[in-house]
């Protein structure tokens, strides 16, 4: 989910049609989902 903080012991699967990247929020990392263009035909892109 967009904006959620990542935690140990949790697996996060990128939603179909969304790229998954990380962003720094204070001392933690959070998920950021976006609809930027597909990379080599893929969104999400590894």
ModelCIF file with pLDDT and N, C-alpha, C, O atoms, coordinates in Angstrom:
data_MODEL
#
_entry.id   MODEL 
#
_entity.id                         1 
_entity.type                       polymer 
_entity.pdbx_number_of_molecules   1 
#
_entity_poly.entity_id                      1 
_entity_poly.type                           'polypeptide(L)' 
_entity_poly.nstd_linkage                   no 
_entity_poly.nstd_monomer                   no 
_entity_poly.pdbx_seq_one_letter_code       
;(UNK)(UNK)(UNK)(UNK)(UNK)(UNK)(UNK)(UNK)(UNK)(UNK)(UNK)(UNK)(UNK)(UNK)(UNK)(UNK)
(UNK)(UNK)(UNK)(UNK)(UNK)(UNK)(UNK)(UNK)(UNK)(UNK)(UNK)(UNK)(UNK)(UNK)(UNK)(UNK)
(UNK)(UNK)(UNK)(UNK)(UNK)(UNK)(UNK)(UNK)(UNK)(UNK)(UNK)(UNK)(UNK)(UNK)
;
_entity_poly.pdbx_seq_one_letter_code_can   XXXXXXXXXXXXXXXXXXXXXXXXXXXXXXXXXXXXXXXXXXXXXX 
_entity_poly.pdbx_strand_id                 A 
#
loop_
_entity_poly_seq.entity_id 
_entity_poly_seq.num 
_entity_poly_seq.mon_id 
_entity_poly_seq.hetero 
1 1  UNK n 
1 2  UNK n 
1 3  UNK n 
1 4  UNK n 
1 5  UNK n 
1 6  UNK n 
1 7  UNK n 
1 8  UNK n 
1 9  UNK n 
1 10 UNK n 
1 11 UNK n 
1 12 UNK n 
1 13 UNK n 
1 14 UNK n 
1 15 UNK n 
1 16 UNK n 
1 17 UNK n 
1 18 UNK n 
1 19 UNK n 
1 20 UNK n 
1 21 UNK n 
1 22 UNK n 
1 23 UNK n 
1 24 UNK n 
1 25 UNK n 
1 26 UNK n 
1 27 UNK n 
1 28 UNK n 
1 29 UNK n 
1 30 UNK n 
1 31 UNK n 
1 32 UNK n 
1 33 UNK n 
1 34 UNK n 
1 35 UNK n 
1 36 UNK n 
1 37 UNK n 
1 38 UNK n 
1 39 UNK n 
1 40 UNK n 
1 41 UNK n 
1 42 UNK n 
1 43 UNK n 
1 44 UNK n 
1 45 UNK n 
1 46 UNK n 
#
_struct_asym.id          A 
_struct_asym.entity_id   1 
#
loop_
_ma_qa_metric.id 
_ma_qa_metric.mode 
_ma_qa_metric.name 
_ma_qa_metric.software_group_id 
_ma_qa_metric.type 
1 global pLDDT . pLDDT 
2 local  pLDDT . pLDDT 
#
_ma_qa_metric_global.metric_id      1 
_ma_qa_metric_global.metric_value   97.46 
_ma_qa_metric_global.model_id       1 
_ma_qa_metric_global.ordinal_id     1 
#
loop_
_ma_qa_metric_local.label_asym_id 
_ma_qa_metric_local.label_comp_id 
_ma_qa_metric_local.label_seq_id 
_ma_qa_metric_local.metric_id 
_ma_qa_metric_local.metric_value 
_ma_qa_metric_local.model_id 
_ma_qa_metric_local.ordinal_id 
A UNK 1  2 98.00 1 1  
A UNK 2  2 98.00 1 2  
A UNK 3  2 98.00 1 3  
A UNK 4  2 98.00 1 4  
A UNK 5  2 98.00 1 5  
A UNK 6  2 98.00 1 6  
A UNK 7  2 98.00 1 7  
A UNK 8  2 98.00 1 8  
A UNK 9  2 98.00 1 9  
A UNK 10 2 98.00 1 10 
A UNK 11 2 99.00 1 11 
A UNK 12 2 99.00 1 12 
A UNK 13 2 98.00 1 13 
A UNK 14 2 98.00 1 14 
A UNK 15 2 98.00 1 15 
A UNK 16 2 97.00 1 16 
A UNK 17 2 97.00 1 17 
A UNK 18 2 98.00 1 18 
A UNK 19 2 98.00 1 19 
A UNK 20 2 98.00 1 20 
A UNK 21 2 98.00 1 21 
A UNK 22 2 98.00 1 22 
A UNK 23 2 98.00 1 23 
A UNK 24 2 97.00 1 24 
A UNK 25 2 97.00 1 25 
A UNK 26 2 96.00 1 26 
A UNK 27 2 94.00 1 27 
A UNK 28 2 96.00 1 28 
A UNK 29 2 98.00 1 29 
A UNK 30 2 98.00 1 30 
A UNK 31 2 98.00 1 31 
A UNK 32 2 98.00 1 32 
A UNK 33 2 98.00 1 33 
A UNK 34 2 98.00 1 34 
A UNK 35 2 96.00 1 35 
A UNK 36 2 97.00 1 36 
A UNK 37 2 97.00 1 37 
A UNK 38 2 97.00 1 38 
A UNK 39 2 96.00 1 39 
A UNK 40 2 93.00 1 40 
A UNK 41 2 96.00 1 41 
A UNK 42 2 97.00 1 42 
A UNK 43 2 98.00 1 43 
A UNK 44 2 98.00 1 44 
A UNK 45 2 98.00 1 45 
A UNK 46 2 98.00 1 46 
#
loop_
_atom_site.group_PDB 
_atom_site.id 
_atom_site.type_symbol 
_atom_site.label_atom_id 
_atom_site.label_alt_id 
_atom_site.label_comp_id 
_atom_site.label_asym_id 
_atom_site.label_entity_id 
_atom_site.label_seq_id 
_atom_site.pdbx_PDB_ins_code 
_atom_site.Cartn_x 
_atom_site.Cartn_y 
_atom_site.Cartn_z 
_atom_site.occupancy 
_atom_site.B_iso_or_equiv 
_atom_site.pdbx_formal_charge 
_atom_site.auth_seq_id 
_atom_site.auth_comp_id 
_atom_site.auth_asym_id 
_atom_site.auth_atom_id 
_atom_site.pdbx_PDB_model_num 
ATOM 1   N N  . UNK A 1 1  ? 0.835  -1.186  0.000   1.00 98.00 ? 1  UNK A N  1 
ATOM 2   C CA . UNK A 1 1  ? 0.000  0.000   0.000   1.00 98.00 ? 1  UNK A CA 1 
ATOM 3   C C  . UNK A 1 1  ? 0.876  1.244   0.000   1.00 98.00 ? 1  UNK A C  1 
ATOM 4   O O  . UNK A 1 1  ? 1.919  1.281   0.653   1.00 98.00 ? 1  UNK A O  1 
ATOM 5   N N  . UNK A 1 2  ? 0.455  2.240   -0.721  1.00 98.00 ? 2  UNK A N  1 
ATOM 6   C CA . UNK A 1 2  ? 1.217  3.478   -0.817  1.00 98.00 ? 2  UNK A CA 1 
ATOM 7   C C  . UNK A 1 2  ? 1.346  4.125   0.551   1.00 98.00 ? 2  UNK A C  1 
ATOM 8   O O  . UNK A 1 2  ? 0.355  4.310   1.258   1.00 98.00 ? 2  UNK A O  1 
ATOM 9   N N  . UNK A 1 3  ? 2.582  4.468   0.922   1.00 98.00 ? 3  UNK A N  1 
ATOM 10  C CA . UNK A 1 3  ? 2.826  5.183   2.165   1.00 98.00 ? 3  UNK A CA 1 
ATOM 11  C C  . UNK A 1 3  ? 3.067  4.322   3.386   1.00 98.00 ? 3  UNK A C  1 
ATOM 12  O O  . UNK A 1 3  ? 3.422  4.858   4.436   1.00 98.00 ? 3  UNK A O  1 
ATOM 13  N N  . UNK A 1 4  ? 2.889  3.005   3.301   1.00 98.00 ? 4  UNK A N  1 
ATOM 14  C CA . UNK A 1 4  ? 3.080  2.191   4.503   1.00 98.00 ? 4  UNK A CA 1 
ATOM 15  C C  . UNK A 1 4  ? 4.555  1.944   4.769   1.00 98.00 ? 4  UNK A C  1 
ATOM 16  O O  . UNK A 1 4  ? 5.350  1.781   3.844   1.00 98.00 ? 4  UNK A O  1 
ATOM 17  N N  . UNK A 1 5  ? 4.909  1.920   6.062   1.00 98.00 ? 5  UNK A N  1 
ATOM 18  C CA . UNK A 1 5  ? 6.273  1.672   6.477   1.00 98.00 ? 5  UNK A CA 1 
ATOM 19  C C  . UNK A 1 5  ? 6.576  0.181   6.369   1.00 98.00 ? 5  UNK A C  1 
ATOM 20  O O  . UNK A 1 5  ? 5.736  -0.653  6.706   1.00 98.00 ? 5  UNK A O  1 
ATOM 21  N N  . UNK A 1 6  ? 7.770  -0.149  5.900   1.00 98.00 ? 6  UNK A N  1 
ATOM 22  C CA . UNK A 1 6  ? 8.124  -1.562  5.770   1.00 98.00 ? 6  UNK A CA 1 
ATOM 23  C C  . UNK A 1 6  ? 8.620  -2.102  7.110   1.00 98.00 ? 6  UNK A C  1 
ATOM 24  O O  . UNK A 1 6  ? 9.300  -1.403  7.862   1.00 98.00 ? 6  UNK A O  1 
ATOM 25  N N  . UNK A 1 7  ? 8.272  -3.349  7.395   1.00 98.00 ? 7  UNK A N  1 
ATOM 26  C CA . UNK A 1 7  ? 8.590  -3.972  8.673   1.00 98.00 ? 7  UNK A CA 1 
ATOM 27  C C  . UNK A 1 7  ? 9.216  -5.345  8.450   1.00 98.00 ? 7  UNK A C  1 
ATOM 28  O O  . UNK A 1 7  ? 8.927  -6.017  7.460   1.00 98.00 ? 7  UNK A O  1 
ATOM 29  N N  . UNK A 1 8  ? 10.073 -5.751  9.379   1.00 98.00 ? 8  UNK A N  1 
ATOM 30  C CA . UNK A 1 8  ? 10.661 -7.082  9.330   1.00 98.00 ? 8  UNK A CA 1 
ATOM 31  C C  . UNK A 1 8  ? 9.561  -8.143  9.373   1.00 98.00 ? 8  UNK A C  1 
ATOM 32  O O  . UNK A 1 8  ? 8.543  -7.978  10.046  1.00 98.00 ? 8  UNK A O  1 
ATOM 33  N N  . UNK A 1 9  ? 9.786  -9.225  8.647   1.00 98.00 ? 9  UNK A N  1 
ATOM 34  C CA . UNK A 1 9  ? 8.855  -10.337 8.688   1.00 98.00 ? 9  UNK A CA 1 
ATOM 35  C C  . UNK A 1 9  ? 7.591  -10.135 7.870   1.00 98.00 ? 9  UNK A C  1 
ATOM 36  O O  . UNK A 1 9  ? 6.642  -10.912 7.982   1.00 98.00 ? 9  UNK A O  1 
ATOM 37  N N  . UNK A 1 10 ? 7.576  -9.086  7.042   1.00 98.00 ? 10 UNK A N  1 
ATOM 38  C CA . UNK A 1 10 ? 6.421  -8.825  6.195   1.00 98.00 ? 10 UNK A CA 1 
ATOM 39  C C  . UNK A 1 10 ? 6.880  -8.785  4.736   1.00 98.00 ? 10 UNK A C  1 
ATOM 40  O O  . UNK A 1 10 ? 7.872  -8.135  4.404   1.00 98.00 ? 10 UNK A O  1 
ATOM 41  N N  . UNK A 1 11 ? 6.145  -9.488  3.873   1.00 99.00 ? 11 UNK A N  1 
ATOM 42  C CA . UNK A 1 11 ? 6.416  -9.461  2.439   1.00 99.00 ? 11 UNK A CA 1 
ATOM 43  C C  . UNK A 1 11 ? 5.376  -8.586  1.758   1.00 99.00 ? 11 UNK A C  1 
ATOM 44  O O  . UNK A 1 11 ? 4.174  -8.759  1.961   1.00 99.00 ? 11 UNK A O  1 
ATOM 45  N N  . UNK A 1 12 ? 5.848  -7.645  0.948   1.00 99.00 ? 12 UNK A N  1 
ATOM 46  C CA . UNK A 1 12 ? 4.989  -6.682  0.272   1.00 99.00 ? 12 UNK A CA 1 
ATOM 47  C C  . UNK A 1 12 ? 5.036  -6.950  -1.231  1.00 99.00 ? 12 UNK A C  1 
ATOM 48  O O  . UNK A 1 12 ? 6.094  -6.828  -1.848  1.00 99.00 ? 12 UNK A O  1 
ATOM 49  N N  . UNK A 1 13 ? 3.896  -7.315  -1.824  1.00 98.00 ? 13 UNK A N  1 
ATOM 50  C CA . UNK A 1 13 ? 3.827  -7.580  -3.251  1.00 98.00 ? 13 UNK A CA 1 
ATOM 51  C C  . UNK A 1 13 ? 3.321  -6.339  -3.971  1.00 98.00 ? 13 UNK A C  1 
ATOM 52  O O  . UNK A 1 13 ? 2.256  -5.817  -3.641  1.00 98.00 ? 13 UNK A O  1 
ATOM 53  N N  . UNK A 1 14 ? 4.076  -5.868  -4.947  1.00 98.00 ? 14 UNK A N  1 
ATOM 54  C CA . UNK A 1 14 ? 3.670  -4.689  -5.714  1.00 98.00 ? 14 UNK A CA 1 
ATOM 55  C C  . UNK A 1 14 ? 2.325  -4.953  -6.395  1.00 98.00 ? 14 UNK A C  1 
ATOM 56  O O  . UNK A 1 14 ? 2.153  -5.990  -7.036  1.00 98.00 ? 14 UNK A O  1 
ATOM 57  N N  . UNK A 1 15 ? 1.375  -4.029  -6.265  1.00 98.00 ? 15 UNK A N  1 
ATOM 58  C CA . UNK A 1 15 ? 0.097  -4.218  -6.961  1.00 98.00 ? 15 UNK A CA 1 
ATOM 59  C C  . UNK A 1 15 ? 0.287  -4.205  -8.475  1.00 98.00 ? 15 UNK A C  1 
ATOM 60  O O  . UNK A 1 15 ? 1.148  -3.491  -8.989  1.00 98.00 ? 15 UNK A O  1 
ATOM 61  N N  . UNK A 1 16 ? -0.507 -4.983  -9.179  1.00 97.00 ? 16 UNK A N  1 
ATOM 62  C CA . UNK A 1 16 ? -0.463 -4.944  -10.631 1.00 97.00 ? 16 UNK A CA 1 
ATOM 63  C C  . UNK A 1 16 ? -0.695 -3.538  -11.153 1.00 97.00 ? 16 UNK A C  1 
ATOM 64  O O  . UNK A 1 16 ? -1.530 -2.801  -10.628 1.00 97.00 ? 16 UNK A O  1 
ATOM 65  N N  . UNK A 1 17 ? 0.045  -3.172  -12.187 1.00 97.00 ? 17 UNK A N  1 
ATOM 66  C CA . UNK A 1 17 ? -0.056 -1.859  -12.824 1.00 97.00 ? 17 UNK A CA 1 
ATOM 67  C C  . UNK A 1 17 ? 0.512  -0.722  -11.979 1.00 97.00 ? 17 UNK A C  1 
ATOM 68  O O  . UNK A 1 17 ? 0.244  0.444   -12.269 1.00 97.00 ? 17 UNK A O  1 
ATOM 69  N N  . UNK A 1 18 ? 1.286  -1.033  -10.944 1.00 98.00 ? 18 UNK A N  1 
ATOM 70  C CA . UNK A 1 18 ? 1.938  -0.023  -10.108 1.00 98.00 ? 18 UNK A CA 1 
ATOM 71  C C  . UNK A 1 18 ? 3.421  -0.362  -9.968  1.00 98.00 ? 18 UNK A C  1 
ATOM 72  O O  . UNK A 1 18 ? 3.774  -1.508  -9.689  1.00 98.00 ? 18 UNK A O  1 
ATOM 73  N N  . UNK A 1 19 ? 4.281  0.626   -10.160 1.00 98.00 ? 19 UNK A N  1 
ATOM 74  C CA . UNK A 1 19 ? 5.677  0.477   -9.780  1.00 98.00 ? 19 UNK A CA 1 
ATOM 75  C C  . UNK A 1 19 ? 5.795  0.614   -8.269  1.00 98.00 ? 19 UNK A C  1 
ATOM 76  O O  . UNK A 1 19 ? 5.065  1.387   -7.650  1.00 98.00 ? 19 UNK A O  1 
ATOM 77  N N  . UNK A 1 20 ? 6.715  -0.140  -7.682  1.00 98.00 ? 20 UNK A N  1 
ATOM 78  C CA . UNK A 1 20 ? 6.982  -0.066  -6.242  1.00 98.00 ? 20 UNK A CA 1 
ATOM 79  C C  . UNK A 1 20 ? 8.400  0.443   -6.031  1.00 98.00 ? 20 UNK A C  1 
ATOM 80  O O  . UNK A 1 20 ? 9.362  -0.156  -6.511  1.00 98.00 ? 20 UNK A O  1 
ATOM 81  N N  . UNK A 1 21 ? 8.523  1.559   -5.304  1.00 98.00 ? 21 UNK A N  1 
ATOM 82  C CA . UNK A 1 21 ? 9.826  2.094   -4.913  1.00 98.00 ? 21 UNK A CA 1 
ATOM 83  C C  . UNK A 1 21 ? 9.767  2.429   -3.426  1.00 98.00 ? 21 UNK A C  1 
ATOM 84  O O  . UNK A 1 21 ? 8.700  2.397   -2.813  1.00 98.00 ? 21 UNK A O  1 
ATOM 85  N N  . UNK A 1 22 ? 10.917 2.747   -2.860  1.00 98.00 ? 22 UNK A N  1 
ATOM 86  C CA . UNK A 1 22 ? 10.985 3.128   -1.453  1.00 98.00 ? 22 UNK A CA 1 
ATOM 87  C C  . UNK A 1 22 ? 11.330 4.603   -1.313  1.00 98.00 ? 22 UNK A C  1 
ATOM 88  O O  . UNK A 1 22 ? 11.988 5.187   -2.174  1.00 98.00 ? 22 UNK A O  1 
ATOM 89  N N  . UNK A 1 23 ? 10.876 5.190   -0.221  1.00 98.00 ? 23 UNK A N  1 
ATOM 90  C CA . UNK A 1 23 ? 11.240 6.557   0.110   1.00 98.00 ? 23 UNK A CA 1 
ATOM 91  C C  . UNK A 1 23 ? 11.581 6.638   1.593   1.00 98.00 ? 23 UNK A C  1 
ATOM 92  O O  . UNK A 1 23 ? 11.055 5.881   2.409   1.00 98.00 ? 23 UNK A O  1 
ATOM 93  N N  . UNK A 1 24 ? 12.464 7.564   1.922   1.00 97.00 ? 24 UNK A N  1 
ATOM 94  C CA . UNK A 1 24 ? 12.848 7.785   3.322   1.00 97.00 ? 24 UNK A CA 1 
ATOM 95  C C  . UNK A 1 24 ? 11.826 8.692   3.981   1.00 97.00 ? 24 UNK A C  1 
ATOM 96  O O  . UNK A 1 24 ? 11.495 9.753   3.452   1.00 97.00 ? 24 UNK A O  1 
ATOM 97  N N  . UNK A 1 25 ? 11.325 8.275   5.137   1.00 97.00 ? 25 UNK A N  1 
ATOM 98  C CA . UNK A 1 25 ? 10.413 9.101   5.933   1.00 97.00 ? 25 UNK A CA 1 
ATOM 99  C C  . UNK A 1 25 ? 10.971 9.121   7.346   1.00 97.00 ? 25 UNK A C  1 
ATOM 100 O O  . UNK A 1 25 ? 10.777 8.177   8.113   1.00 97.00 ? 25 UNK A O  1 
ATOM 101 N N  . UNK A 1 26 ? 11.665 10.200  7.688   1.00 96.00 ? 26 UNK A N  1 
ATOM 102 C CA . UNK A 1 26 ? 12.340 10.246  8.976   1.00 96.00 ? 26 UNK A CA 1 
ATOM 103 C C  . UNK A 1 26 ? 13.419 9.181   9.037   1.00 96.00 ? 26 UNK A C  1 
ATOM 104 O O  . UNK A 1 26 ? 14.302 9.134   8.180   1.00 96.00 ? 26 UNK A O  1 
ATOM 105 N N  . UNK A 1 27 ? 13.350 8.327   10.048  1.00 94.00 ? 27 UNK A N  1 
ATOM 106 C CA . UNK A 1 27 ? 14.329 7.248   10.191  1.00 94.00 ? 27 UNK A CA 1 
ATOM 107 C C  . UNK A 1 27 ? 13.845 5.926   9.609   1.00 94.00 ? 27 UNK A C  1 
ATOM 108 O O  . UNK A 1 27 ? 14.497 4.895   9.775   1.00 94.00 ? 27 UNK A O  1 
ATOM 109 N N  . UNK A 1 28 ? 12.705 5.956   8.929   1.00 96.00 ? 28 UNK A N  1 
ATOM 110 C CA . UNK A 1 28 ? 12.122 4.727   8.403   1.00 96.00 ? 28 UNK A CA 1 
ATOM 111 C C  . UNK A 1 28 ? 12.005 4.780   6.891   1.00 96.00 ? 28 UNK A C  1 
ATOM 112 O O  . UNK A 1 28 ? 12.144 5.834   6.270   1.00 96.00 ? 28 UNK A O  1 
ATOM 113 N N  . UNK A 1 29 ? 11.745 3.608   6.313   1.00 98.00 ? 29 UNK A N  1 
ATOM 114 C CA . UNK A 1 29 ? 11.504 3.511   4.878   1.00 98.00 ? 29 UNK A CA 1 
ATOM 115 C C  . UNK A 1 29 ? 10.040 3.182   4.641   1.00 98.00 ? 29 UNK A C  1 
ATOM 116 O O  . UNK A 1 29 ? 9.447  2.363   5.342   1.00 98.00 ? 29 UNK A O  1 
ATOM 117 N N  . UNK A 1 30 ? 9.474  3.838   3.639   1.00 98.00 ? 30 UNK A N  1 
ATOM 118 C CA . UNK A 1 30 ? 8.066  3.630   3.314   1.00 98.00 ? 30 UNK A CA 1 
ATOM 119 C C  . UNK A 1 30 ? 7.919  3.305   1.834   1.00 98.00 ? 30 UNK A C  1 
ATOM 120 O O  . UNK A 1 30 ? 8.754  3.681   1.011   1.00 98.00 ? 30 UNK A O  1 
ATOM 121 N N  . UNK A 1 31 ? 6.849  2.606   1.516   1.00 98.00 ? 31 UNK A N  1 
ATOM 122 C CA . UNK A 1 31 ? 6.552  2.234   0.136   1.00 98.00 ? 31 UNK A CA 1 
ATOM 123 C C  . UNK A 1 31 ? 5.909  3.409   -0.600  1.00 98.00 ? 31 UNK A C  1 
ATOM 124 O O  . UNK A 1 31 ? 5.050  4.108   -0.063  1.00 98.00 ? 31 UNK A O  1 
ATOM 125 N N  . UNK A 1 32 ? 6.340  3.603   -1.820  1.00 98.00 ? 32 UNK A N  1 
ATOM 126 C CA . UNK A 1 32 ? 5.722  4.589   -2.691  1.00 98.00 ? 32 UNK A CA 1 
ATOM 127 C C  . UNK A 1 32 ? 5.326  3.877   -3.987  1.00 98.00 ? 32 UNK A C  1 
ATOM 128 O O  . UNK A 1 32 ? 6.168  3.278   -4.655  1.00 98.00 ? 32 UNK A O  1 
ATOM 129 N N  . UNK A 1 33 ? 4.054  3.946   -4.333  1.00 98.00 ? 33 UNK A N  1 
ATOM 130 C CA . UNK A 1 33 ? 3.547  3.348   -5.567  1.00 98.00 ? 33 UNK A CA 1 
ATOM 131 C C  . UNK A 1 33 ? 3.327  4.438   -6.595  1.00 98.00 ? 33 UNK A C  1 
ATOM 132 O O  . UNK A 1 33 ? 2.883  5.535   -6.256  1.00 98.00 ? 33 UNK A O  1 
ATOM 133 N N  . UNK A 1 34 ? 3.635  4.145   -7.853  1.00 98.00 ? 34 UNK A N  1 
ATOM 134 C CA . UNK A 1 34 ? 3.436  5.158   -8.890  1.00 98.00 ? 34 UNK A CA 1 
ATOM 135 C C  . UNK A 1 34 ? 3.023  4.519   -10.209 1.00 98.00 ? 34 UNK A C  1 
ATOM 136 O O  . UNK A 1 34 ? 3.147  3.311   -10.410 1.00 98.00 ? 34 UNK A O  1 
ATOM 137 N N  . UNK A 1 35 ? 2.524  5.382   -11.108 1.00 96.00 ? 35 UNK A N  1 
ATOM 138 C CA . UNK A 1 35 ? 2.066  4.943   -12.429 1.00 96.00 ? 35 UNK A CA 1 
ATOM 139 C C  . UNK A 1 35 ? 2.952  5.499   -13.529 1.00 96.00 ? 35 UNK A C  1 
ATOM 140 O O  . UNK A 1 35 ? 2.486  5.745   -14.642 1.00 96.00 ? 35 UNK A O  1 
ATOM 141 N N  . UNK A 1 36 ? 4.233  5.700   -13.223 1.00 97.00 ? 36 UNK A N  1 
ATOM 142 C CA . UNK A 1 36 ? 5.134  6.149   -14.280 1.00 97.00 ? 36 UNK A CA 1 
ATOM 143 C C  . UNK A 1 36 ? 5.170  5.088   -15.389 1.00 97.00 ? 36 UNK A C  1 
ATOM 144 O O  . UNK A 1 36 ? 4.776  3.945   -15.157 1.00 97.00 ? 36 UNK A O  1 
ATOM 145 N N  . UNK A 1 37 ? 5.636  5.454   -16.588 1.00 97.00 ? 37 UNK A N  1 
ATOM 146 C CA . UNK A 1 37 ? 5.535  4.534   -17.730 1.00 97.00 ? 37 UNK A CA 1 
ATOM 147 C C  . UNK A 1 37 ? 6.172  3.169   -17.472 1.00 97.00 ? 37 UNK A C  1 
ATOM 148 O O  . UNK A 1 37 ? 7.133  3.066   -16.709 1.00 97.00 ? 37 UNK A O  1 
ATOM 149 N N  . UNK A 1 38 ? 5.649  2.136   -18.095 1.00 97.00 ? 38 UNK A N  1 
ATOM 150 C CA . UNK A 1 38 ? 6.250  0.801   -17.962 1.00 97.00 ? 38 UNK A CA 1 
ATOM 151 C C  . UNK A 1 38 ? 7.719  0.814   -18.387 1.00 97.00 ? 38 UNK A C  1 
ATOM 152 O O  . UNK A 1 38 ? 8.113  1.572   -19.274 1.00 97.00 ? 38 UNK A O  1 
ATOM 153 N N  . UNK A 1 39 ? 8.516  -0.030  -17.746 1.00 96.00 ? 39 UNK A N  1 
ATOM 154 C CA . UNK A 1 39 ? 9.930  -0.195  -18.088 1.00 96.00 ? 39 UNK A CA 1 
ATOM 155 C C  . UNK A 1 39 ? 10.056 -1.489  -18.890 1.00 96.00 ? 39 UNK A C  1 
ATOM 156 O O  . UNK A 1 39 ? 9.817  -2.579  -18.372 1.00 96.00 ? 39 UNK A O  1 
ATOM 157 N N  . UNK A 1 40 ? 10.434 -1.353  -20.156 1.00 93.00 ? 40 UNK A N  1 
ATOM 158 C CA . UNK A 1 40 ? 10.529 -2.519  -21.045 1.00 93.00 ? 40 UNK A CA 1 
ATOM 159 C C  . UNK A 1 40 ? 9.246  -3.343  -21.019 1.00 93.00 ? 40 UNK A C  1 
ATOM 160 O O  . UNK A 1 40 ? 9.272  -4.574  -21.039 1.00 93.00 ? 40 UNK A O  1 
ATOM 161 N N  . UNK A 1 41 ? 8.131  -2.633  -20.974 1.00 96.00 ? 41 UNK A N  1 
ATOM 162 C CA . UNK A 1 41 ? 6.837  -3.291  -21.020 1.00 96.00 ? 41 UNK A CA 1 
ATOM 163 C C  . UNK A 1 41 ? 6.294  -3.731  -19.674 1.00 96.00 ? 41 UNK A C  1 
ATOM 164 O O  . UNK A 1 41 ? 5.214  -4.319  -19.614 1.00 96.00 ? 41 UNK A O  1 
ATOM 165 N N  . UNK A 1 42 ? 7.020  -3.459  -18.585 1.00 97.00 ? 42 UNK A N  1 
ATOM 166 C CA . UNK A 1 42 ? 6.597  -3.968  -17.277 1.00 97.00 ? 42 UNK A CA 1 
ATOM 167 C C  . UNK A 1 42 ? 6.235  -2.831  -16.314 1.00 97.00 ? 42 UNK A C  1 
ATOM 168 O O  . UNK A 1 42 ? 6.976  -1.861  -16.150 1.00 97.00 ? 42 UNK A O  1 
ATOM 169 N N  . UNK A 1 43 ? 5.086  -2.990  -15.696 1.00 98.00 ? 43 UNK A N  1 
ATOM 170 C CA . UNK A 1 43 ? 4.680  -2.152  -14.566 1.00 98.00 ? 43 UNK A CA 1 
ATOM 171 C C  . UNK A 1 43 ? 3.805  -3.010  -13.679 1.00 98.00 ? 43 UNK A C  1 
ATOM 172 O O  . UNK A 1 43 ? 2.635  -3.221  -13.997 1.00 98.00 ? 43 UNK A O  1 
ATOM 173 N N  . UNK A 1 44 ? 4.338  -3.514  -12.571 1.00 98.00 ? 44 UNK A N  1 
ATOM 174 C CA . UNK A 1 44 ? 5.579  -3.119  -11.893 1.00 98.00 ? 44 UNK A CA 1 
ATOM 175 C C  . UNK A 1 44 ? 6.833  -3.655  -12.580 1.00 98.00 ? 44 UNK A C  1 
ATOM 176 O O  . UNK A 1 44 ? 6.790  -4.618  -13.346 1.00 98.00 ? 44 UNK A O  1 
ATOM 177 N N  . UNK A 1 45 ? 7.943  -3.000  -12.281 1.00 98.00 ? 45 UNK A N  1 
ATOM 178 C CA . UNK A 1 45 ? 9.240  -3.346  -12.857 1.00 98.00 ? 45 UNK A CA 1 
ATOM 179 C C  . UNK A 1 45 ? 10.213 -3.749  -11.753 1.00 98.00 ? 45 UNK A C  1 
ATOM 180 O O  . UNK A 1 45 ? 10.361 -3.047  -10.753 1.00 98.00 ? 45 UNK A O  1 
ATOM 181 N N  . UNK A 1 46 ? 10.872 -4.887  -11.947 1.00 98.00 ? 46 UNK A N  1 
ATOM 182 C CA . UNK A 1 46 ? 11.913 -5.310  -11.014 1.00 98.00 ? 46 UNK A CA 1 
ATOM 183 C C  . UNK A 1 46 ? 13.083 -4.332  -11.073 1.00 98.00 ? 46 UNK A C  1 
ATOM 184 O O  . UNK A 1 46 ? 14.071 -4.508  -10.360 1.00 98.00 ? 46 UNK A O  1 
#
